[in-house]
Amino acid sequence: MSGILFLVFFILLFTGVPVAFSLGLSSFVFLFFTGVPLEVIPQRMFAGMNAFTLLCIPGFVLAGNLMNSGGITKRIIGFCNAFVGHIRGGLGIANVGSSMVFAGISGTALADTASIGGIMIPAMKDIGYEAEFAAAVTASSSTIGPIIPPSLPMIIVGTLTGISVSKMFLAGTIPGLLLGLGMMVVSYGISKKKNHPKGKKATAKEKWLTFKDAFWAIMLTVLILFGILGGIFTPTEASIGAVIYAIIVGKFVYKELKFRELPNILLDSIVSTSAIMLLVGFANLFAWILTSEQIPQLIANGILAFSTNKIIVLLLINLLLLFVGTFMETIAALVILFPVLLGVVTPLGIDPIQFGVIMVLNLIIGLTTPPVGVCLFVASSIGKVSMVKTVKAIIPFLLLSLAVLMLVTFVPAVSLALPNILLGGN
């Protein structure tokens, strides 16, 4: 009967039904035809959403929206541009740098694409960058958001397994920095080859002024990271603190946040959070059905029957996840597949924290690949350029992401060094 579940799911998915509803409807059809009481649906959905750690999701979503309205995002961009804007292709490098700073506040790729892209893509086009390059660098750099802490996918991993969220955050720091610095190098190389424009070099005084202007924006990132990692507050407390901080800075320091805007900002945040939580609930129901049908054991046995070599197994899992990431939303894929695949790799001696980073990195690459690359769609829309051109332009950045993925997969220290040093072991 599990064939009904997958058949309905893929039919719905490939006919354009949102992932959350594809998961929910396919689960309903399966339960209906197998005679399982439908009361299971709300029970399993609630079980999936009933986790204290998940409370930080609405906080970080709201903090990101408040940043945009409060002038924090544009000051981060101005700060990055002052230091690298004079380099050939400097605006592209500043785009990546802004995403790295923004990642320390929002933790989501889509918010990064919309916020940074809404400012940077038009600015890059205006001074002579190709629209497809501007869209490609924005979409690809936005994937740093779910890696550098605070990261919503890392929170989901911690919730699913009981792994410390602080350790997951630390595990993503070095891979996130490698992604960001690597994308800066790629952006510079492409810009030099295509002779992209470079801006006027900022004076020491101008750099100081942009730093002063962006100081409160940068401090928000610092407070979140060091507060969580230093054990001062939990991720959930940090998200609420970020909201309060963003309101105070946006309203009273930068004076760009208007109280009359708060209802719309709250509504947007509620809609975004509701979509995420609905996805988590339906994905948990779907995962429960898979478990009851013993699909995880079949997958695990199938992979291990093919090979018990750690390198081969990891390569197979990477290929599977890269494929899944092209059509399934990151959080849904994590809820469904992480517990399954963790059962495959744990007997091989792979650390759950390292594997969590591997999974998140695999799936966020899918955010910039068709057919369901949401960051790709948003960036192309902002840049008013065809998807085909953007896909061609993003290939060098995808290759860089794959290189970092291989490094994280086969060099455990890349993800485990910081958690082990600062928080000690597993």
Protein backbone atom coordinates (compact mmCIF):
# COMPACT_ATOMS: atom_id res chain seq x y z
CA MET A 1 0.00 0.00 0.00
CA SER A 2 2.96 2.34 0.41
CA GLY A 3 2.98 2.64 -3.39
CA ILE A 4 -0.27 4.65 -3.13
CA LEU A 5 1.43 7.10 -0.79
CA PHE A 6 4.32 7.80 -3.16
CA LEU A 7 2.19 7.75 -6.32
CA VAL A 8 -0.23 10.37 -5.01
CA PHE A 9 2.61 12.47 -3.54
CA PHE A 10 4.58 12.66 -6.78
CA ILE A 11 1.50 13.26 -8.94
CA LEU A 12 0.51 16.19 -6.72
CA LEU A 13 4.06 17.52 -6.51
CA PHE A 14 4.69 17.51 -10.23
CA THR A 15 1.31 19.06 -11.01
CA GLY A 16 2.29 22.14 -9.02
CA VAL A 17 0.63 21.47 -5.66
CA PRO A 18 2.74 22.98 -2.82
CA VAL A 19 4.96 20.48 -1.01
CA ALA A 20 3.11 20.80 2.31
CA PHE A 21 -0.26 19.99 0.75
CA SER A 22 1.25 17.22 -1.38
CA LEU A 23 2.51 15.58 1.81
CA GLY A 24 -0.81 16.09 3.62
CA LEU A 25 -3.11 14.94 0.82
CA SER A 26 -1.04 11.88 -0.03
CA SER A 27 -0.99 10.93 3.67
CA PHE A 28 -4.79 11.38 3.86
CA VAL A 29 -5.37 9.15 0.82
CA PHE A 30 -3.11 6.44 2.24
CA LEU A 31 -4.80 6.48 5.66
CA PHE A 32 -8.28 6.50 4.09
CA PHE A 33 -7.63 3.46 1.90
CA THR A 34 -5.82 1.50 4.60
CA GLY A 35 -8.56 2.07 7.16
CA VAL A 36 -6.36 3.84 9.71
CA PRO A 37 -8.46 6.23 11.88
CA LEU A 38 -8.14 9.76 10.52
CA GLU A 39 -7.71 11.08 14.06
CA VAL A 40 -4.07 10.14 13.50
CA ILE A 41 -3.64 13.19 11.23
CA PRO A 42 -3.96 15.95 13.86
CA GLN A 43 -2.21 13.77 16.46
CA ARG A 44 0.90 13.26 14.34
CA MET A 45 0.91 16.83 13.06
CA PHE A 46 0.78 18.19 16.59
CA ALA A 47 3.50 15.76 17.71
CA GLY A 48 5.76 17.11 14.98
CA MET A 49 5.16 20.74 15.89
CA ASN A 50 5.15 20.27 19.68
CA ALA A 51 8.81 21.12 20.30
CA PHE A 52 10.03 24.07 22.36
CA THR A 53 12.98 24.68 20.04
CA LEU A 54 10.65 25.31 17.10
CA LEU A 55 9.34 28.41 18.89
CA CYS A 56 12.43 30.28 17.70
CA ILE A 57 11.29 30.02 14.06
CA PRO A 58 8.65 32.79 14.26
CA GLY A 59 11.13 34.93 16.19
CA PHE A 60 13.88 34.77 13.59
CA VAL A 61 11.39 35.21 10.72
CA LEU A 62 9.96 38.33 12.39
CA ALA A 63 13.44 39.67 13.19
CA GLY A 64 14.41 39.38 9.51
CA ASN A 65 11.29 41.23 8.39
CA LEU A 66 11.86 43.97 10.97
CA MET A 67 15.44 44.35 9.72
CA ASN A 68 14.26 45.10 6.22
CA SER A 69 11.74 47.71 7.33
CA GLY A 70 14.09 49.23 9.90
CA GLY A 71 16.95 50.00 7.52
CA ILE A 72 19.28 47.38 8.99
CA THR A 73 19.71 45.41 5.74
CA LYS A 74 20.81 48.38 3.62
CA ARG A 75 23.37 49.42 6.26
CA ILE A 76 24.90 45.94 6.22
CA ILE A 77 25.17 46.24 2.43
CA GLY A 78 26.70 49.71 2.68
CA PHE A 79 29.27 48.51 5.18
CA CYS A 80 30.36 45.55 3.03
CA ASN A 81 30.48 47.68 -0.11
CA ALA A 82 32.73 50.28 1.55
CA PHE A 83 35.41 47.67 2.17
CA VAL A 84 35.31 45.67 -1.07
CA GLY A 85 33.45 47.87 -3.56
CA HIS A 86 36.69 49.14 -5.11
CA ILE A 87 37.77 45.64 -6.17
CA ARG A 88 36.93 44.45 -9.69
CA GLY A 89 33.43 43.06 -9.35
CA GLY A 90 33.33 44.46 -5.82
CA LEU A 91 29.57 44.83 -5.74
CA GLY A 92 29.23 41.08 -6.33
CA ILE A 93 31.67 40.40 -3.48
CA ALA A 94 29.75 42.84 -1.28
CA ASN A 95 26.60 40.92 -2.18
CA VAL A 96 28.15 37.73 -0.79
CA GLY A 97 29.53 39.52 2.27
CA SER A 98 26.11 41.03 3.01
CA SER A 99 24.55 37.58 2.81
CA MET A 100 27.09 36.25 5.30
CA VAL A 101 26.25 38.99 7.82
CA PHE A 102 22.52 38.72 7.13
CA ALA A 103 22.77 34.95 7.66
CA GLY A 104 23.74 35.63 11.26
CA ILE A 105 20.31 37.15 11.86
CA SER A 106 17.65 35.51 9.69
CA GLY A 107 18.84 31.91 9.15
CA THR A 108 16.77 31.52 5.99
CA ALA A 109 17.83 31.55 2.35
CA LEU A 110 14.61 32.91 0.88
CA ALA A 111 14.58 35.92 3.21
CA ASP A 112 18.18 36.61 2.21
CA THR A 113 17.40 36.42 -1.51
CA ALA A 114 14.43 38.76 -1.24
CA SER A 115 16.07 41.25 1.14
CA ILE A 116 19.61 41.48 -0.21
CA GLY A 117 18.49 40.85 -3.80
CA GLY A 118 15.87 43.58 -3.70
CA ILE A 119 18.63 46.13 -3.12
CA MET A 120 21.71 44.59 -4.74
CA ILE A 121 20.38 43.18 -8.02
CA PRO A 122 19.00 46.52 -9.31
CA ALA A 123 22.16 48.30 -8.09
CA MET A 124 24.42 45.81 -9.90
CA LYS A 125 22.39 46.08 -13.11
CA ASP A 126 22.49 49.87 -12.98
CA ILE A 127 26.29 50.03 -13.05
CA GLY A 128 26.85 47.44 -15.77
CA TYR A 129 26.64 43.91 -14.37
CA GLU A 130 24.71 41.36 -16.43
CA ALA A 131 21.29 40.70 -14.90
CA GLU A 132 21.88 36.94 -14.89
CA PHE A 133 25.18 37.32 -12.99
CA ALA A 134 23.54 39.60 -10.41
CA ALA A 135 20.72 37.09 -9.95
CA ALA A 136 23.13 34.12 -9.80
CA VAL A 137 25.44 35.61 -7.16
CA THR A 138 22.43 36.67 -5.06
CA ALA A 139 20.70 33.28 -5.22
CA SER A 140 23.86 31.28 -4.57
CA SER A 141 25.09 33.44 -1.68
CA SER A 142 21.66 33.26 -0.03
CA THR A 143 22.26 29.55 0.62
CA ILE A 144 24.86 30.58 3.21
CA GLY A 145 21.92 31.61 5.44
CA PRO A 146 20.84 28.07 6.40
CA ILE A 147 24.47 27.11 7.21
CA ILE A 148 25.86 30.02 9.25
CA PRO A 149 24.07 30.22 12.63
CA PRO A 150 21.30 30.84 13.49
CA SER A 151 19.97 28.35 10.95
CA LEU A 152 16.37 27.14 10.75
CA PRO A 153 17.31 23.79 9.13
CA MET A 154 19.89 23.20 11.88
CA ILE A 155 17.16 23.86 14.45
CA ILE A 156 15.01 21.21 12.74
CA VAL A 157 17.90 18.71 12.84
CA GLY A 158 18.41 19.35 16.54
CA THR A 159 14.67 18.98 17.21
CA LEU A 160 14.49 15.67 15.32
CA THR A 161 17.40 14.02 17.09
CA GLY A 162 17.87 15.72 20.45
CA ILE A 163 21.30 16.99 19.36
CA SER A 164 22.23 20.30 20.96
CA VAL A 165 21.13 23.12 18.65
CA SER A 166 24.15 25.14 19.81
CA LYS A 167 26.43 22.33 18.61
CA MET A 168 24.61 22.23 15.26
CA PHE A 169 25.06 25.99 14.94
CA LEU A 170 28.79 25.71 15.64
CA ALA A 171 29.11 22.81 13.20
CA GLY A 172 27.78 24.99 10.39
CA THR A 173 30.10 27.93 11.05
CA ILE A 174 33.24 26.77 9.21
CA PRO A 175 31.36 25.28 6.21
CA GLY A 176 29.36 28.53 5.99
CA LEU A 177 32.52 30.64 6.02
CA LEU A 178 34.11 28.39 3.39
CA LEU A 179 31.03 28.80 1.19
CA GLY A 180 31.06 32.58 1.59
CA LEU A 181 34.78 33.09 1.00
CA GLY A 182 34.72 30.64 -1.90
CA MET A 183 31.84 32.48 -3.55
CA MET A 184 33.74 35.75 -3.18
CA VAL A 185 36.67 34.18 -5.04
CA VAL A 186 34.38 32.82 -7.77
CA SER A 187 32.64 36.18 -8.10
CA TYR A 188 35.97 37.97 -8.38
CA GLY A 189 37.26 35.53 -11.00
CA ILE A 190 34.14 35.88 -13.16
CA SER A 191 34.16 39.67 -12.77
CA LYS A 192 37.81 39.92 -13.76
CA LYS A 193 37.20 37.75 -16.83
CA LYS A 194 34.15 39.80 -17.90
CA ASN A 195 35.67 43.12 -16.86
CA HIS A 196 32.86 43.99 -14.49
CA PRO A 197 32.95 47.52 -13.06
CA LYS A 198 34.65 48.49 -9.83
CA GLY A 199 33.73 51.37 -7.60
CA LYS A 200 35.71 54.18 -6.08
CA LYS A 201 37.92 53.16 -3.18
CA ALA A 202 36.49 54.37 0.10
CA THR A 203 38.71 56.49 2.33
CA ALA A 204 39.50 55.46 5.88
CA LYS A 205 37.03 58.09 7.07
CA GLU A 206 34.26 56.76 4.78
CA LYS A 207 34.90 53.21 6.00
CA TRP A 208 34.69 54.39 9.59
CA LEU A 209 31.43 56.21 8.93
CA THR A 210 29.83 53.16 7.26
CA PHE A 211 31.02 51.03 10.17
CA LYS A 212 29.47 53.45 12.66
CA ASP A 213 26.27 53.48 10.63
CA ALA A 214 26.15 49.67 10.49
CA PHE A 215 27.41 49.10 14.04
CA TRP A 216 24.01 48.38 15.58
CA ALA A 217 23.11 46.10 12.68
CA ILE A 218 26.34 44.12 13.06
CA MET A 219 25.90 43.94 16.84
CA LEU A 220 22.62 42.11 16.36
CA THR A 221 24.53 39.27 14.65
CA VAL A 222 27.18 39.31 17.38
CA LEU A 223 24.61 39.23 20.18
CA ILE A 224 22.72 36.31 18.63
CA LEU A 225 25.80 34.19 17.98
CA PHE A 226 27.72 34.80 21.16
CA GLY A 227 24.57 34.75 23.28
CA ILE A 228 23.58 31.28 22.04
CA LEU A 229 27.06 29.80 21.84
CA GLY A 230 28.07 31.31 25.16
CA GLY A 231 25.10 29.69 26.88
CA ILE A 232 23.62 33.07 27.89
CA PHE A 233 20.29 32.24 26.30
CA THR A 234 18.61 29.51 24.26
CA PRO A 235 17.92 29.86 20.51
CA THR A 236 14.27 30.58 21.33
CA GLU A 237 15.22 33.33 23.78
CA ALA A 238 17.70 34.68 21.23
CA SER A 239 14.99 34.95 18.58
CA ILE A 240 12.76 37.01 20.88
CA GLY A 241 15.74 39.16 21.87
CA ALA A 242 16.48 39.70 18.17
CA VAL A 243 12.92 40.93 17.60
CA ILE A 244 13.09 43.41 20.48
CA TYR A 245 16.54 44.58 19.38
CA ALA A 246 15.41 45.02 15.76
CA ILE A 247 12.41 47.10 16.87
CA ILE A 248 14.52 49.34 19.13
CA VAL A 249 17.27 49.87 16.55
CA GLY A 250 14.87 50.30 13.61
CA LYS A 251 12.61 52.73 15.47
CA PHE A 252 14.86 54.70 17.82
CA VAL A 253 18.38 54.44 16.35
CA TYR A 254 17.86 54.38 12.56
CA LYS A 255 14.37 55.89 12.86
CA GLU A 256 13.12 54.11 9.71
CA LEU A 257 10.73 51.64 11.29
CA LYS A 258 7.20 53.05 11.56
CA PHE A 259 4.80 51.66 14.12
CA ARG A 260 2.03 51.77 11.54
CA GLU A 261 4.04 49.20 9.53
CA LEU A 262 4.08 46.67 12.38
CA PRO A 263 0.67 45.06 11.60
CA ASN A 264 1.76 44.25 8.02
CA ILE A 265 5.17 43.04 9.20
CA LEU A 266 3.51 40.81 11.80
CA LEU A 267 1.05 39.49 9.23
CA ASP A 268 3.84 38.64 6.75
CA SER A 269 5.77 36.90 9.53
CA ILE A 270 2.69 34.95 10.65
CA VAL A 271 2.05 33.77 7.08
CA SER A 272 5.69 32.69 6.63
CA THR A 273 5.81 30.94 10.00
CA SER A 274 2.47 29.22 9.43
CA ALA A 275 3.71 27.85 6.11
CA ILE A 276 6.83 26.45 7.79
CA MET A 277 4.95 24.91 10.70
CA LEU A 278 2.28 23.41 8.44
CA LEU A 279 5.08 21.87 6.41
CA VAL A 280 6.68 20.46 9.57
CA GLY A 281 3.34 19.00 10.71
CA PHE A 282 2.46 17.32 7.41
CA ALA A 283 6.04 16.11 6.96
CA ASN A 284 5.92 14.50 10.40
CA LEU A 285 2.66 12.72 9.47
CA PHE A 286 4.23 11.52 6.22
CA ALA A 287 7.34 10.35 8.09
CA TRP A 288 5.19 8.47 10.64
CA ILE A 289 3.49 6.56 7.81
CA LEU A 290 6.87 5.70 6.29
CA THR A 291 8.05 4.39 9.66
CA SER A 292 4.89 2.33 10.20
CA GLU A 293 5.38 0.81 6.75
CA GLN A 294 9.05 0.09 7.58
CA ILE A 295 10.25 2.11 4.58
CA PRO A 296 13.28 3.44 6.53
CA GLN A 297 14.50 -0.08 7.19
CA LEU A 298 14.06 -1.00 3.52
CA ILE A 299 16.06 2.05 2.43
CA ALA A 300 18.77 1.40 4.99
CA ASN A 301 19.02 -2.27 4.07
CA GLY A 302 19.10 -1.40 0.37
CA ILE A 303 21.96 1.06 0.75
CA LEU A 304 23.95 -1.22 3.05
CA ALA A 305 23.30 -4.21 0.80
CA PHE A 306 24.90 -2.28 -2.04
CA SER A 307 27.96 -1.40 0.02
CA THR A 308 29.11 -1.04 3.62
CA ASN A 309 32.08 1.08 2.62
CA LYS A 310 31.73 4.45 4.36
CA ILE A 311 32.93 6.44 1.33
CA ILE A 312 30.57 4.67 -1.08
CA VAL A 313 27.61 5.02 1.28
CA LEU A 314 28.23 8.75 1.76
CA LEU A 315 28.55 9.28 -1.99
CA LEU A 316 25.27 7.43 -2.58
CA ILE A 317 23.51 9.48 0.10
CA ASN A 318 24.88 12.72 -1.32
CA LEU A 319 23.57 11.80 -4.77
CA LEU A 320 20.17 10.91 -3.30
CA LEU A 321 19.95 14.17 -1.34
CA LEU A 322 21.09 16.33 -4.24
CA PHE A 323 18.32 14.76 -6.31
CA VAL A 324 15.70 15.20 -3.56
CA GLY A 325 16.78 18.82 -3.09
CA THR A 326 15.89 19.62 -6.69
CA PHE A 327 12.18 19.09 -6.07
CA MET A 328 11.49 18.98 -2.30
CA GLU A 329 11.55 21.80 0.24
CA THR A 330 14.48 21.61 2.68
CA ILE A 331 12.54 21.30 5.95
CA ALA A 332 10.17 18.64 4.60
CA ALA A 333 13.09 16.59 3.29
CA LEU A 334 14.88 16.87 6.64
CA VAL A 335 11.86 15.72 8.66
CA ILE A 336 11.24 12.75 6.37
CA LEU A 337 14.76 11.63 5.50
CA PHE A 338 17.12 12.64 8.31
CA PRO A 339 16.00 10.00 10.85
CA VAL A 340 16.00 7.38 8.07
CA LEU A 341 19.47 8.11 6.77
CA LEU A 342 20.93 8.70 10.22
CA GLY A 343 20.12 5.06 10.91
CA VAL A 344 22.21 4.13 7.86
CA VAL A 345 25.32 6.15 8.68
CA THR A 346 25.50 5.77 12.46
CA PRO A 347 26.64 2.11 12.34
CA LEU A 348 29.43 3.25 10.01
CA GLY A 349 30.82 5.57 12.67
CA ILE A 350 29.66 8.87 11.16
CA ASP A 351 28.94 11.54 13.75
CA PRO A 352 25.27 12.68 13.79
CA ILE A 353 26.36 16.34 13.95
CA GLN A 354 28.57 15.95 10.89
CA PHE A 355 25.78 14.13 9.07
CA GLY A 356 23.32 16.88 9.98
CA VAL A 357 25.56 19.44 8.27
CA ILE A 358 25.97 17.15 5.25
CA MET A 359 22.19 16.85 4.88
CA VAL A 360 21.50 20.56 5.25
CA LEU A 361 24.26 21.47 2.80
CA ASN A 362 22.97 18.96 0.23
CA LEU A 363 19.41 20.20 0.46
CA ILE A 364 20.17 23.93 0.34
CA ILE A 365 22.04 23.40 -2.92
CA GLY A 366 18.62 22.42 -4.26
CA LEU A 367 17.38 25.95 -3.53
CA THR A 368 19.39 27.13 -6.53
CA THR A 369 18.62 24.27 -8.91
CA PRO A 370 15.50 23.72 -11.04
CA PRO A 371 12.72 22.68 -11.00
CA VAL A 372 11.89 23.89 -7.45
CA GLY A 373 14.85 26.22 -6.81
CA VAL A 374 12.89 28.92 -4.98
CA CYS A 375 15.90 31.23 -4.50
CA LEU A 376 16.63 30.91 -8.21
CA PHE A 377 13.06 31.90 -9.08
CA VAL A 378 13.02 34.89 -6.70
CA ALA A 379 16.41 36.21 -7.85
CA SER A 380 15.47 35.82 -11.54
CA SER A 381 12.20 37.61 -10.88
CA ILE A 382 13.92 40.53 -9.16
CA GLY A 383 16.53 40.72 -11.93
CA LYS A 384 13.86 40.40 -14.65
CA VAL A 385 15.94 37.78 -16.40
CA SER A 386 15.04 34.33 -17.73
CA MET A 387 15.61 31.28 -15.57
CA VAL A 388 17.68 29.64 -18.30
CA LYS A 389 20.22 32.48 -18.29
CA THR A 390 20.39 32.50 -14.49
CA VAL A 391 20.92 28.73 -14.36
CA LYS A 392 23.87 29.04 -16.78
CA ALA A 393 25.35 31.88 -14.73
CA ILE A 394 25.01 30.01 -11.44
CA ILE A 395 26.96 26.90 -12.52
CA PRO A 396 30.39 28.10 -11.18
CA PHE A 397 28.81 28.83 -7.80
CA LEU A 398 27.14 25.40 -7.76
CA LEU A 399 30.49 23.74 -8.43
CA LEU A 400 31.97 25.65 -5.50
CA SER A 401 29.09 24.49 -3.27
CA LEU A 402 29.68 20.88 -4.34
CA ALA A 403 33.39 21.21 -3.51
CA VAL A 404 32.55 22.43 0.00
CA LEU A 405 30.04 19.57 0.32
CA MET A 406 32.75 17.02 -0.50
CA LEU A 407 35.05 18.64 2.05
CA VAL A 408 32.39 18.48 4.77
CA THR A 409 31.55 14.88 3.81
CA PHE A 410 35.06 13.46 3.89
CA VAL A 411 36.88 15.74 6.37
CA PRO A 412 34.91 15.49 9.64
CA ALA A 413 36.97 18.20 11.35
CA VAL A 414 35.45 20.84 9.04
CA SER A 415 32.12 20.50 10.85
CA LEU A 416 33.16 18.93 14.17
CA ALA A 417 36.20 20.97 15.21
CA LEU A 418 34.33 23.95 16.66
CA PRO A 419 31.65 21.96 18.56
CA ASN A 420 34.31 19.65 20.02
CA ILE A 421 36.65 22.48 21.03
CA LEU A 422 34.08 24.90 22.43
CA LEU A 423 31.33 22.61 23.75
CA GLY A 424 33.16 19.31 24.08
CA GLY A 425 32.50 16.06 22.21
CA ASN A 426 29.09 14.89 21.11
